[in-house]
Each structure stands twice: as structure tokens, then as C-alpha cells.
Amino acid sequence: MSRIDAAGVEHPRASNNARIVSLVPSITELLFALGLGERIVGRTGFCVHPRDAVRAVPKVGGTKAVKLDAVRALAPTHVIVNIDENEKPTIDALAEFVPHVIVTHPLTAHDNLSLYALLGAIFGREQAAQSLGEALSSRLDAIAHAPWPARRVLYVIWRDPWMTIARDTYISSMLRLVNWHTWPDVEGGFTGGNRYPTFDFDDPALASVERILLSSEPYRFTAKHRDELAADARLAGKTVQLIDGELTSWYGSRAIDGIDYLRGLAEAATRGA
């Protein structure tokens, strides 16, 4: 298995005394799934799964507001970061005192296979990584062979201002597994582009959208928001529904359940639910 991370850095195999700080909620959950819970010495306040286990792990701030002194005090051998979720100045600062900063950047559901393999190879959990990979692969194969009708959807992540996702995000790639294509048809890129653009419900191009998906994170949309939009005359004829943001945006081990969840949504849509 390769031990080369998303930044192109090859990491040596860690010792059994590795001390890991995870600054990525979905990867914190993945580390526990790989059987590495006892080696995790720090996490962000957004690392909430698995709920019972993470309570014993000290917090070091948020994904964007990392408390460097708190990380330093934990004397980690490894810090795991993500290009989208953590800021580059923070990652650079961590590299000054942490021996190994592991950079991740999955963009599609299939990228989870290499993510499992990477962490499994670095921390000696190859068998657990293989088991997760097999579970994910079986779901990817099954969902790829289903005849999903193409649908145009708007995935909403924020309000005031209203914000959505570009096509080159992990969320958009997950939705494409069931042939749901996000609007607008734009890509944000990684060098100054906007991967989370604003939009206006008055935009005439919105006429092509069939379903509006209100995510539970980062903004916590509720049934009240859904009902308000469903009653908006501008959205007449469109389905407005809530969607679990963790199951669509969290990579790692949660992607396995995420694919099952999307299958259920797509099957319900096909039935007209």
C-alpha cells in the first residue's frame, strides 16, 4: 500500500507509540474505524463521531481555528489535515513542530479507497483498511449498475447569503453516483476559484432544477426552512427536501453508509416520493 499523501509526501510507517491529532471530523471517525482510537490524542470540536469514544479525546479548537499551543502541548507525532477543511497557514505552522503532517484531499467516493489504504499503511492497519475498502467497493459496484434517471438538483449549504456547491466538490461527486447533477454547472478549482458559490432563487436558470436539497450542515436547515421554500411561488413544481449533510459530505468510513443513504433517496425519488 502506498504511504504517499495528497501533498506528494511519502510517510514512513509509524511506530506503535504514534500520537495522532486529527483536524478533520470524518477522518477522526475513520481512525476509530481502523482501530486507532488509543493513538488519537487530539481532535477538533467538530469531530463528534463516534460520539462516545471522542469524548475522551482533548479538543484543540476548530478546523479553521486550530489552537496551535494546544496541539504542541499534546506532543503529537502525526497530525492529519485536509486541503479543504484546514487553512494552509495553519498546516505550515504545524509542520514546524510536528514530525509528520499527513495531507488528505478526497474528491470522489472512489478516493476513499486510497484514503483507507494510506492511513492503513502508515499506521499498520492494512487489514482493517482492506475490510473497509471491500465494503465500499461492493456498494460502489452495486450503485453503478442501477439505472438511475438523470436529475438536476440544487444542494444548499447556507443562507444569508444562499450558497451551494460547485461540480468539483466531494458532495457533488457523491450525488452523481445516483445520476443527480448539481446546479449550477460550474467548477471552483483550487487556485482561487469559488467551490461554494452564492446563488439567487430569482435566477431564471433555476428553472431546470427538479429538487432542492437543504443540507443539515454546515447550516442546519430544518423542516421550517423546507416548508418556507416549498411555499415559495418561485419554486412551484419543485421538490424541496432535507438531506443529511454528514452522509453526503463526510468521506472516510461514513461514505459506506452514505452510499446506502443516497440509494434510498434516489429510489424514493424514482417512486415519486
C-alpha atoms as a PDB file:
ATOM      1  CA  MET A   1       0.000   0.000   0.000  1.00  0.00           C
ATOM      2  CA  SER A   2       1.242   3.497  -0.825  1.00  0.00           C
ATOM      3  CA  ARG A   3       2.180   5.856   2.011  1.00  0.00           C
ATOM      4  CA  ILE A   4       2.220   8.954  -0.239  1.00  0.00           C
ATOM      5  CA  ASP A   5      -0.273  11.609   0.860  1.00  0.00           C
ATOM      6  CA  ALA A   6      -2.209  14.225  -1.150  1.00  0.00           C
ATOM      7  CA  ALA A   7       0.728  16.637  -0.955  1.00  0.00           C
ATOM      8  CA  GLY A   8       3.031  14.070  -2.562  1.00  0.00           C
ATOM      9  CA  VAL A   9       4.897  13.375   0.686  1.00  0.00           C
ATOM     10  CA  GLU A  10       5.854   9.788   1.442  1.00  0.00           C
ATOM     11  CA  HIS A  11       5.480   8.949   5.123  1.00  0.00           C
ATOM     12  CA  PRO A  12       7.388   6.226   6.961  1.00  0.00           C
ATOM     13  CA  ARG A  13       5.493   3.528   8.771  1.00  0.00           C
ATOM     14  CA  ALA A  14       4.544   4.818  12.221  1.00  0.00           C
ATOM     15  CA  SER A  15       5.584   3.103  15.412  1.00  0.00           C
ATOM     16  CA  ASN A  16       3.077   1.651  17.848  1.00  0.00           C
ATOM     17  CA  ASN A  17       3.693   4.715  20.031  1.00  0.00           C
ATOM     18  CA  ALA A  18       2.353   7.161  17.443  1.00  0.00           C
ATOM     19  CA  ARG A  19       0.408  10.108  18.852  1.00  0.00           C
ATOM     20  CA  ILE A  20      -2.189  11.364  16.381  1.00  0.00           C
ATOM     21  CA  VAL A  21      -4.044  14.665  16.259  1.00  0.00           C
ATOM     22  CA  SER A  22      -6.851  14.704  13.715  1.00  0.00           C
ATOM     23  CA  LEU A  23      -8.098  18.067  12.451  1.00  0.00           C
ATOM     24  CA  VAL A  24     -10.702  16.507  10.137  1.00  0.00           C
ATOM     25  CA  PRO A  25     -14.007  15.250  11.601  1.00  0.00           C
ATOM     26  CA  SER A  26     -14.588  12.492   9.071  1.00  0.00           C
ATOM     27  CA  ILE A  27     -11.017  11.249   9.414  1.00  0.00           C
ATOM     28  CA  THR A  28     -11.273  11.150  13.190  1.00  0.00           C
ATOM     29  CA  GLU A  29     -14.188   8.769  12.715  1.00  0.00           C
ATOM     30  CA  LEU A  30     -12.167   6.778  10.169  1.00  0.00           C
ATOM     31  CA  LEU A  31      -9.227   6.422  12.556  1.00  0.00           C
ATOM     32  CA  PHE A  32     -11.517   4.837  15.137  1.00  0.00           C
ATOM     33  CA  ALA A  33     -12.921   2.533  12.446  1.00  0.00           C
ATOM     34  CA  LEU A  34      -9.354   1.449  11.688  1.00  0.00           C
ATOM     35  CA  GLY A  35      -8.808   0.544  15.348  1.00  0.00           C
ATOM     36  CA  LEU A  36      -6.555   3.526  16.109  1.00  0.00           C
ATOM     37  CA  GLY A  37      -8.616   5.100  18.868  1.00  0.00           C
ATOM     38  CA  GLU A  38      -5.959   4.639  21.553  1.00  0.00           C
ATOM     39  CA  ARG A  39      -3.433   6.585  19.479  1.00  0.00           C
ATOM     40  CA  ILE A  40      -5.642   9.664  18.970  1.00  0.00           C
ATOM     41  CA  VAL A  41      -4.542  12.369  21.412  1.00  0.00           C
ATOM     42  CA  GLY A  42      -6.316  15.404  19.949  1.00  0.00           C
ATOM     43  CA  ARG A  43      -9.269  16.409  17.763  1.00  0.00           C
ATOM     44  CA  THR A  44     -11.350  19.421  16.764  1.00  0.00           C
ATOM     45  CA  GLY A  45     -14.612  20.360  18.400  1.00  0.00           C
ATOM     46  CA  PHE A  46     -16.346  19.299  15.191  1.00  0.00           C
ATOM     47  CA  CYS A  47     -15.008  15.741  15.497  1.00  0.00           C
ATOM     48  CA  VAL A  48     -18.155  14.258  17.026  1.00  0.00           C
ATOM     49  CA  HIS A  49     -18.125  10.643  15.801  1.00  0.00           C
ATOM     50  CA  PRO A  50     -18.008   8.063  17.215  1.00  0.00           C
ATOM     51  CA  ARG A  51     -19.843  10.041  19.887  1.00  0.00           C
ATOM     52  CA  ASP A  52     -18.966   8.043  22.990  1.00  0.00           C
ATOM     53  CA  ALA A  53     -15.312   7.468  22.083  1.00  0.00           C
ATOM     54  CA  VAL A  54     -14.376  11.029  21.081  1.00  0.00           C
ATOM     55  CA  ARG A  55     -15.487  12.490  24.398  1.00  0.00           C
ATOM     56  CA  ALA A  56     -12.267  11.243  25.967  1.00  0.00           C
ATOM     57  CA  VAL A  57     -10.082  12.943  23.332  1.00  0.00           C
ATOM     58  CA  PRO A  58      -8.947  16.545  24.075  1.00  0.00           C
ATOM     59  CA  LYS A  59     -10.134  19.310  21.737  1.00  0.00           C
ATOM     60  CA  VAL A  60      -7.666  21.628  20.006  1.00  0.00           C
ATOM     61  CA  GLY A  61     -10.074  24.189  18.553  1.00  0.00           C
ATOM     62  CA  GLY A  62     -11.929  24.028  15.255  1.00  0.00           C
ATOM     63  CA  THR A  63     -10.986  23.015  11.734  1.00  0.00           C
ATOM     64  CA  LYS A  64     -10.330  26.645  10.791  1.00  0.00           C
ATOM     65  CA  ALA A  65      -9.377  27.941  14.241  1.00  0.00           C
ATOM     66  CA  VAL A  66      -6.779  25.436  15.420  1.00  0.00           C
ATOM     67  CA  LYS A  67      -5.133  26.214  18.763  1.00  0.00           C
ATOM     68  CA  LEU A  68      -1.512  25.591  17.900  1.00  0.00           C
ATOM     69  CA  ASP A  69      -0.351  25.775  21.511  1.00  0.00           C
ATOM     70  CA  ALA A  70      -2.874  23.103  22.454  1.00  0.00           C
ATOM     71  CA  VAL A  71      -1.577  20.859  19.669  1.00  0.00           C
ATOM     72  CA  ARG A  72       2.016  21.474  20.705  1.00  0.00           C
ATOM     73  CA  ALA A  73       1.236  20.548  24.311  1.00  0.00           C
ATOM     74  CA  LEU A  74      -0.026  17.140  23.170  1.00  0.00           C
ATOM     75  CA  ALA A  75       3.339  16.365  21.523  1.00  0.00           C
ATOM     76  CA  PRO A  76       1.856  14.578  18.509  1.00  0.00           C
ATOM     77  CA  THR A  77       3.999  12.545  16.149  1.00  0.00           C
ATOM     78  CA  HIS A  78       1.342  12.880  13.428  1.00  0.00           C
ATOM     79  CA  VAL A  79      -1.274  15.487  12.542  1.00  0.00           C
ATOM     80  CA  ILE A  80      -3.843  14.705   9.848  1.00  0.00           C
ATOM     81  CA  VAL A  81      -5.225  17.629   7.837  1.00  0.00           C
ATOM     82  CA  ASN A  82      -7.373  18.215   4.775  1.00  0.00           C
ATOM     83  CA  ILE A  83      -6.822  20.738   1.986  1.00  0.00           C
ATOM     84  CA  ASP A  84     -10.451  21.919   2.012  1.00  0.00           C
ATOM     85  CA  GLU A  85     -11.105  21.941   5.734  1.00  0.00           C
ATOM     86  CA  ASN A  86      -7.845  23.299   7.161  1.00  0.00           C
ATOM     87  CA  GLU A  87      -6.094  26.525   6.207  1.00  0.00           C
ATOM     88  CA  LYS A  88      -2.649  26.416   4.614  1.00  0.00           C
ATOM     89  CA  PRO A  89      -1.001  28.840   7.085  1.00  0.00           C
ATOM     90  CA  THR A  90      -2.132  26.536   9.884  1.00  0.00           C
ATOM     91  CA  ILE A  91      -0.794  23.463   8.098  1.00  0.00           C
ATOM     92  CA  ASP A  92       2.536  25.222   7.501  1.00  0.00           C
ATOM     93  CA  ALA A  93       2.751  26.226  11.168  1.00  0.00           C
ATOM     94  CA  LEU A  94       2.065  22.664  12.287  1.00  0.00           C
ATOM     95  CA  ALA A  95       4.835  21.367  10.041  1.00  0.00           C
ATOM     96  CA  GLU A  96       7.330  23.421  12.021  1.00  0.00           C
ATOM     97  CA  PHE A  97       6.936  21.307  15.150  1.00  0.00           C
ATOM     98  CA  VAL A  98       5.044  18.116  14.191  1.00  0.00           C
ATOM     99  CA  PRO A  99       7.271  15.404  12.670  1.00  0.00           C
ATOM    100  CA  HIS A 100       4.612  14.125  10.256  1.00  0.00           C
ATOM    101  CA  VAL A 101       1.742  16.187   8.800  1.00  0.00           C
ATOM    102  CA  ILE A 102      -0.426  13.918   6.657  1.00  0.00           C
ATOM    103  CA  VAL A 103      -2.363  15.843   3.995  1.00  0.00           C
ATOM    104  CA  THR A 104      -5.610  14.401   2.635  1.00  0.00           C
ATOM    105  CA  HIS A 105      -7.894  15.532  -0.197  1.00  0.00           C
ATOM    106  CA  PRO A 106     -10.504  13.017  -1.354  1.00  0.00           C
ATOM    107  CA  LEU A 107     -12.705  14.429  -4.127  1.00  0.00           C
ATOM    108  CA  THR A 108     -14.819  11.420  -5.068  1.00  0.00           C
ATOM    109  CA  ALA A 109     -16.318   8.413  -3.324  1.00  0.00           C
ATOM    110  CA  HIS A 110     -13.704   6.219  -5.016  1.00  0.00           C
ATOM    111  CA  ASP A 111     -10.928   8.307  -3.437  1.00  0.00           C
ATOM    112  CA  ASN A 112     -11.895   6.795  -0.091  1.00  0.00           C
ATOM    113  CA  LEU A 113     -10.262   3.560  -1.192  1.00  0.00           C
ATOM    114  CA  SER A 114      -6.846   5.228  -1.393  1.00  0.00           C
ATOM    115  CA  LEU A 115      -7.553   7.138   1.828  1.00  0.00           C
ATOM    116  CA  TYR A 116      -8.206   3.881   3.693  1.00  0.00           C
ATOM    117  CA  ALA A 117      -5.069   2.384   2.202  1.00  0.00           C
ATOM    118  CA  LEU A 118      -2.916   5.417   3.044  1.00  0.00           C
ATOM    119  CA  LEU A 119      -3.816   5.511   6.721  1.00  0.00           C
ATOM    120  CA  GLY A 120      -3.797   1.738   6.988  1.00  0.00           C
ATOM    121  CA  ALA A 121      -0.274   1.584   5.563  1.00  0.00           C
ATOM    122  CA  ILE A 122       1.116   4.400   7.719  1.00  0.00           C
ATOM    123  CA  PHE A 123      -0.346   3.131  10.988  1.00  0.00           C
ATOM    124  CA  GLY A 124      -0.155  -0.619  10.428  1.00  0.00           C
ATOM    125  CA  ARG A 125      -3.872  -1.227   9.949  1.00  0.00           C
ATOM    126  CA  GLU A 126      -3.767  -2.761   6.480  1.00  0.00           C
ATOM    127  CA  GLN A 127      -6.304  -5.498   7.226  1.00  0.00           C
ATOM    128  CA  ALA A 128      -8.843  -3.080   8.664  1.00  0.00           C
ATOM    129  CA  ALA A 129      -8.309  -0.769   5.680  1.00  0.00           C
ATOM    130  CA  GLN A 130      -8.861  -3.665   3.301  1.00  0.00           C
ATOM    131  CA  SER A 131     -12.122  -4.596   5.030  1.00  0.00           C
ATOM    132  CA  LEU A 132     -13.419  -1.041   4.732  1.00  0.00           C
ATOM    133  CA  GLY A 133     -12.329  -0.949   1.109  1.00  0.00           C
ATOM    134  CA  GLU A 134     -14.199  -4.143   0.319  1.00  0.00           C
ATOM    135  CA  ALA A 135     -17.377  -2.809   1.947  1.00  0.00           C
ATOM    136  CA  LEU A 136     -17.133   0.446  -0.011  1.00  0.00           C
ATOM    137  CA  SER A 137     -16.289  -1.259  -3.308  1.00  0.00           C
ATOM    138  CA  SER A 138     -19.296  -3.559  -3.102  1.00  0.00           C
ATOM    139  CA  ARG A 139     -21.599  -0.569  -2.700  1.00  0.00           C
ATOM    140  CA  LEU A 140     -19.910   1.402  -5.458  1.00  0.00           C
ATOM    141  CA  ASP A 141     -20.274  -1.535  -7.825  1.00  0.00           C
ATOM    142  CA  ALA A 142     -23.936  -2.044  -6.965  1.00  0.00           C
ATOM    143  CA  ILE A 143     -24.930   1.606  -7.271  1.00  0.00           C
ATOM    144  CA  ALA A 144     -23.040   1.981 -10.557  1.00  0.00           C
ATOM    145  CA  HIS A 145     -25.119  -0.765 -12.176  1.00  0.00           C
ATOM    146  CA  ALA A 146     -28.510   0.671 -11.216  1.00  0.00           C
ATOM    147  CA  PRO A 147     -30.399   2.573 -13.961  1.00  0.00           C
ATOM    148  CA  TRP A 148     -30.770   5.912 -12.180  1.00  0.00           C
ATOM    149  CA  PRO A 149     -32.703   8.575 -14.145  1.00  0.00           C
ATOM    150  CA  ALA A 150     -30.786  11.829 -14.540  1.00  0.00           C
ATOM    151  CA  ARG A 151     -31.941  14.646 -12.278  1.00  0.00           C
ATOM    152  CA  ARG A 152     -30.860  18.260 -11.793  1.00  0.00           C
ATOM    153  CA  VAL A 153     -30.583  19.243  -8.123  1.00  0.00           C
ATOM    154  CA  LEU A 154     -29.632  22.284  -6.064  1.00  0.00           C
ATOM    155  CA  TYR A 155     -27.704  21.382  -2.909  1.00  0.00           C
ATOM    156  CA  VAL A 156     -27.998  24.246  -0.422  1.00  0.00           C
ATOM    157  CA  ILE A 157     -25.384  24.622   2.331  1.00  0.00           C
ATOM    158  CA  TRP A 158     -26.036  28.159   3.656  1.00  0.00           C
ATOM    159  CA  ARG A 159     -28.467  31.057   3.777  1.00  0.00           C
ATOM    160  CA  ASP A 160     -27.924  34.826   4.082  1.00  0.00           C
ATOM    161  CA  PRO A 161     -26.379  34.546   1.576  1.00  0.00           C
ATOM    162  CA  TRP A 162     -27.711  31.442  -0.126  1.00  0.00           C
ATOM    163  CA  MET A 163     -24.797  29.168  -1.014  1.00  0.00           C
ATOM    164  CA  THR A 164     -24.391  25.918  -2.926  1.00  0.00           C
ATOM    165  CA  ILE A 165     -21.587  23.683  -4.211  1.00  0.00           C
ATOM    166  CA  ALA A 166     -19.525  23.525  -7.391  1.00  0.00           C
ATOM    167  CA  ARG A 167     -19.326  20.381  -9.512  1.00  0.00           C
ATOM    168  CA  ASP A 168     -15.758  19.555  -8.425  1.00  0.00           C
ATOM    169  CA  THR A 169     -16.660  19.033  -4.767  1.00  0.00           C
ATOM    170  CA  TYR A 170     -16.853  15.721  -2.956  1.00  0.00           C
ATOM    171  CA  ILE A 171     -20.565  16.260  -2.298  1.00  0.00           C
ATOM    172  CA  SER A 172     -21.351  16.765  -5.967  1.00  0.00           C
ATOM    173  CA  SER A 173     -19.422  13.620  -6.872  1.00  0.00           C
ATOM    174  CA  MET A 174     -21.391  11.620  -4.299  1.00  0.00           C
ATOM    175  CA  LEU A 175     -24.684  12.821  -5.757  1.00  0.00           C
ATOM    176  CA  ARG A 176     -23.531  11.806  -9.240  1.00  0.00           C
ATOM    177  CA  LEU A 177     -23.411   8.201  -8.036  1.00  0.00           C
ATOM    178  CA  VAL A 178     -27.205   8.211  -8.377  1.00  0.00           C
ATOM    179  CA  ASN A 179     -27.131  10.413 -11.515  1.00  0.00           C
ATOM    180  CA  TRP A 180     -28.086  13.576  -9.612  1.00  0.00           C
ATOM    181  CA  HIS A 181     -26.264  16.558 -11.134  1.00  0.00           C
ATOM    182  CA  THR A 182     -25.792  19.721  -9.137  1.00  0.00           C
ATOM    183  CA  TRP A 183     -26.718  23.179 -10.368  1.00  0.00           C
ATOM    184  CA  PRO A 184     -25.027  25.450 -11.307  1.00  0.00           C
ATOM    185  CA  ASP A 185     -22.769  23.642 -13.762  1.00  0.00           C
ATOM    186  CA  VAL A 186     -19.557  25.282 -12.543  1.00  0.00           C
ATOM    187  CA  GLU A 187     -16.245  24.122 -11.131  1.00  0.00           C
ATOM    188  CA  GLY A 188     -14.469  26.087  -8.459  1.00  0.00           C
ATOM    189  CA  GLY A 189     -10.948  24.823  -8.958  1.00  0.00           C
ATOM    190  CA  PHE A 190      -8.270  25.019  -6.291  1.00  0.00           C
ATOM    191  CA  THR A 191      -6.388  28.199  -7.136  1.00  0.00           C
ATOM    192  CA  GLY A 192      -8.733  30.995  -6.202  1.00  0.00           C
ATOM    193  CA  GLY A 193     -11.949  29.633  -7.700  1.00  0.00           C
ATOM    194  CA  ASN A 194     -15.167  29.550  -5.707  1.00  0.00           C
ATOM    195  CA  ARG A 195     -16.145  25.984  -4.908  1.00  0.00           C
ATOM    196  CA  TYR A 196     -19.092  27.160  -2.795  1.00  0.00           C
ATOM    197  CA  PRO A 197     -20.799  29.850  -4.901  1.00  0.00           C
ATOM    198  CA  THR A 198     -23.709  32.050  -3.907  1.00  0.00           C
ATOM    199  CA  PHE A 199     -26.955  31.936  -5.869  1.00  0.00           C
ATOM    200  CA  ASP A 200     -30.336  33.657  -6.113  1.00  0.00           C
ATOM    201  CA  PHE A 201     -33.704  31.940  -6.216  1.00  0.00           C
ATOM    202  CA  ASP A 202     -34.716  34.530  -8.824  1.00  0.00           C
ATOM    203  CA  ASP A 203     -32.153  33.153 -11.285  1.00  0.00           C
ATOM    204  CA  PRO A 204     -34.046  32.029 -14.442  1.00  0.00           C
ATOM    205  CA  ALA A 205     -31.598  29.134 -14.869  1.00  0.00           C
ATOM    206  CA  LEU A 206     -33.031  27.594 -11.713  1.00  0.00           C
ATOM    207  CA  ALA A 207     -35.982  26.500 -13.834  1.00  0.00           C
ATOM    208  CA  SER A 208     -34.015  23.398 -14.846  1.00  0.00           C
ATOM    209  CA  VAL A 209     -33.697  22.202 -11.237  1.00  0.00           C
ATOM    210  CA  GLU A 210     -36.098  19.455 -10.142  1.00  0.00           C
ATOM    211  CA  ARG A 211     -35.121  19.017  -6.484  1.00  0.00           C
ATOM    212  CA  ILE A 212     -33.774  21.395  -3.850  1.00  0.00           C
ATOM    213  CA  LEU A 213     -31.741  19.647  -1.159  1.00  0.00           C
ATOM    214  CA  LEU A 214     -31.336  21.508   2.147  1.00  0.00           C
ATOM    215  CA  SER A 215     -28.296  20.153   3.969  1.00  0.00           C
ATOM    216  CA  SER A 216     -28.102  19.618   7.719  1.00  0.00           C
ATOM    217  CA  GLU A 217     -24.592  21.113   7.708  1.00  0.00           C
ATOM    218  CA  PRO A 218     -22.767  23.461   7.787  1.00  0.00           C
ATOM    219  CA  TYR A 219     -26.037  25.412   8.113  1.00  0.00           C
ATOM    220  CA  ARG A 220     -28.604  23.360   9.988  1.00  0.00           C
ATOM    221  CA  PHE A 221     -31.664  23.571   7.775  1.00  0.00           C
ATOM    222  CA  THR A 222     -34.863  22.374   9.430  1.00  0.00           C
ATOM    223  CA  ALA A 223     -38.400  21.431   8.467  1.00  0.00           C
ATOM    224  CA  LYS A 224     -39.340  25.084   8.978  1.00  0.00           C
ATOM    225  CA  HIS A 225     -36.912  26.176   6.249  1.00  0.00           C
ATOM    226  CA  ARG A 226     -38.112  23.378   3.983  1.00  0.00           C
ATOM    227  CA  ASP A 227     -41.752  24.371   4.394  1.00  0.00           C
ATOM    228  CA  GLU A 228     -40.998  28.055   3.771  1.00  0.00           C
ATOM    229  CA  LEU A 229     -39.234  27.284   0.495  1.00  0.00           C
ATOM    230  CA  ALA A 230     -41.855  24.745  -0.565  1.00  0.00           C
ATOM    231  CA  ALA A 231     -44.441  27.535  -0.267  1.00  0.00           C
ATOM    232  CA  ASP A 232     -42.337  29.974  -2.316  1.00  0.00           C
ATOM    233  CA  ALA A 233     -44.084  30.656  -5.638  1.00  0.00           C
ATOM    234  CA  ARG A 234     -40.733  30.845  -7.399  1.00  0.00           C
ATOM    235  CA  LEU A 235     -40.180  27.154  -6.618  1.00  0.00           C
ATOM    236  CA  ALA A 236     -43.574  25.859  -7.678  1.00  0.00           C
ATOM    237  CA  GLY A 237     -43.393  22.318  -9.007  1.00  0.00           C
ATOM    238  CA  LYS A 238     -40.030  21.567  -7.406  1.00  0.00           C
ATOM    239  CA  THR A 239     -39.413  19.078  -4.620  1.00  0.00           C
ATOM    240  CA  VAL A 240     -37.823  20.662  -1.549  1.00  0.00           C
ATOM    241  CA  GLN A 241     -36.366  18.210   0.954  1.00  0.00           C
ATOM    242  CA  LEU A 242     -33.915  17.960   3.825  1.00  0.00           C
ATOM    243  CA  ILE A 243     -30.743  15.929   3.318  1.00  0.00           C
ATOM    244  CA  ASP A 244     -28.240  14.569   5.838  1.00  0.00           C
ATOM    245  CA  GLY A 245     -25.051  16.558   5.284  1.00  0.00           C
ATOM    246  CA  GLU A 246     -22.860  14.105   7.173  1.00  0.00           C
ATOM    247  CA  LEU A 247     -23.882  11.214   4.944  1.00  0.00           C
ATOM    248  CA  THR A 248     -23.269  13.193   1.767  1.00  0.00           C
ATOM    249  CA  SER A 249     -20.167  15.229   2.678  1.00  0.00           C
ATOM    250  CA  TRP A 250     -18.201  13.091   5.148  1.00  0.00           C
ATOM    251  CA  TYR A 251     -15.645  10.872   3.466  1.00  0.00           C
ATOM    252  CA  GLY A 252     -13.840   8.079   5.283  1.00  0.00           C
ATOM    253  CA  SER A 253     -15.782   5.221   6.831  1.00  0.00           C
ATOM    254  CA  ARG A 254     -19.065   7.194   6.765  1.00  0.00           C
ATOM    255  CA  ALA A 255     -19.023   7.086   2.954  1.00  0.00           C
ATOM    256  CA  ILE A 256     -20.101   3.446   3.160  1.00  0.00           C
ATOM    257  CA  ASP A 257     -23.353   4.344   4.901  1.00  0.00           C
ATOM    258  CA  GLY A 258     -23.546   7.470   2.740  1.00  0.00           C
ATOM    259  CA  ILE A 259     -23.897   5.424  -0.430  1.00  0.00           C
ATOM    260  CA  ASP A 260     -26.687   3.349   1.130  1.00  0.00           C
ATOM    261  CA  TYR A 261     -28.401   6.593   2.155  1.00  0.00           C
ATOM    262  CA  LEU A 262     -28.187   8.093  -1.336  1.00  0.00           C
ATOM    263  CA  ARG A 263     -29.529   4.888  -2.837  1.00  0.00           C
ATOM    264  CA  GLY A 264     -32.548   5.195  -0.568  1.00  0.00           C
ATOM    265  CA  LEU A 265     -33.133   8.827  -1.570  1.00  0.00           C
ATOM    266  CA  ALA A 266     -32.828   8.026  -5.265  1.00  0.00           C
ATOM    267  CA  GLU A 267     -35.177   5.055  -5.019  1.00  0.00           C
ATOM    268  CA  ALA A 268     -37.737   7.215  -3.210  1.00  0.00           C
ATOM    269  CA  ALA A 269     -37.432   9.887  -5.901  1.00  0.00           C
ATOM    270  CA  THR A 270     -37.984   7.273  -8.598  1.00  0.00           C
ATOM    271  CA  ARG A 271     -41.172   6.176  -6.833  1.00  0.00           C
ATOM    272  CA  GLY A 272     -42.272   9.796  -6.754  1.00  0.00           C
ATOM    273  CA  ALA A 273     -41.860  10.174  -3.004  1.00  0.00           C
END
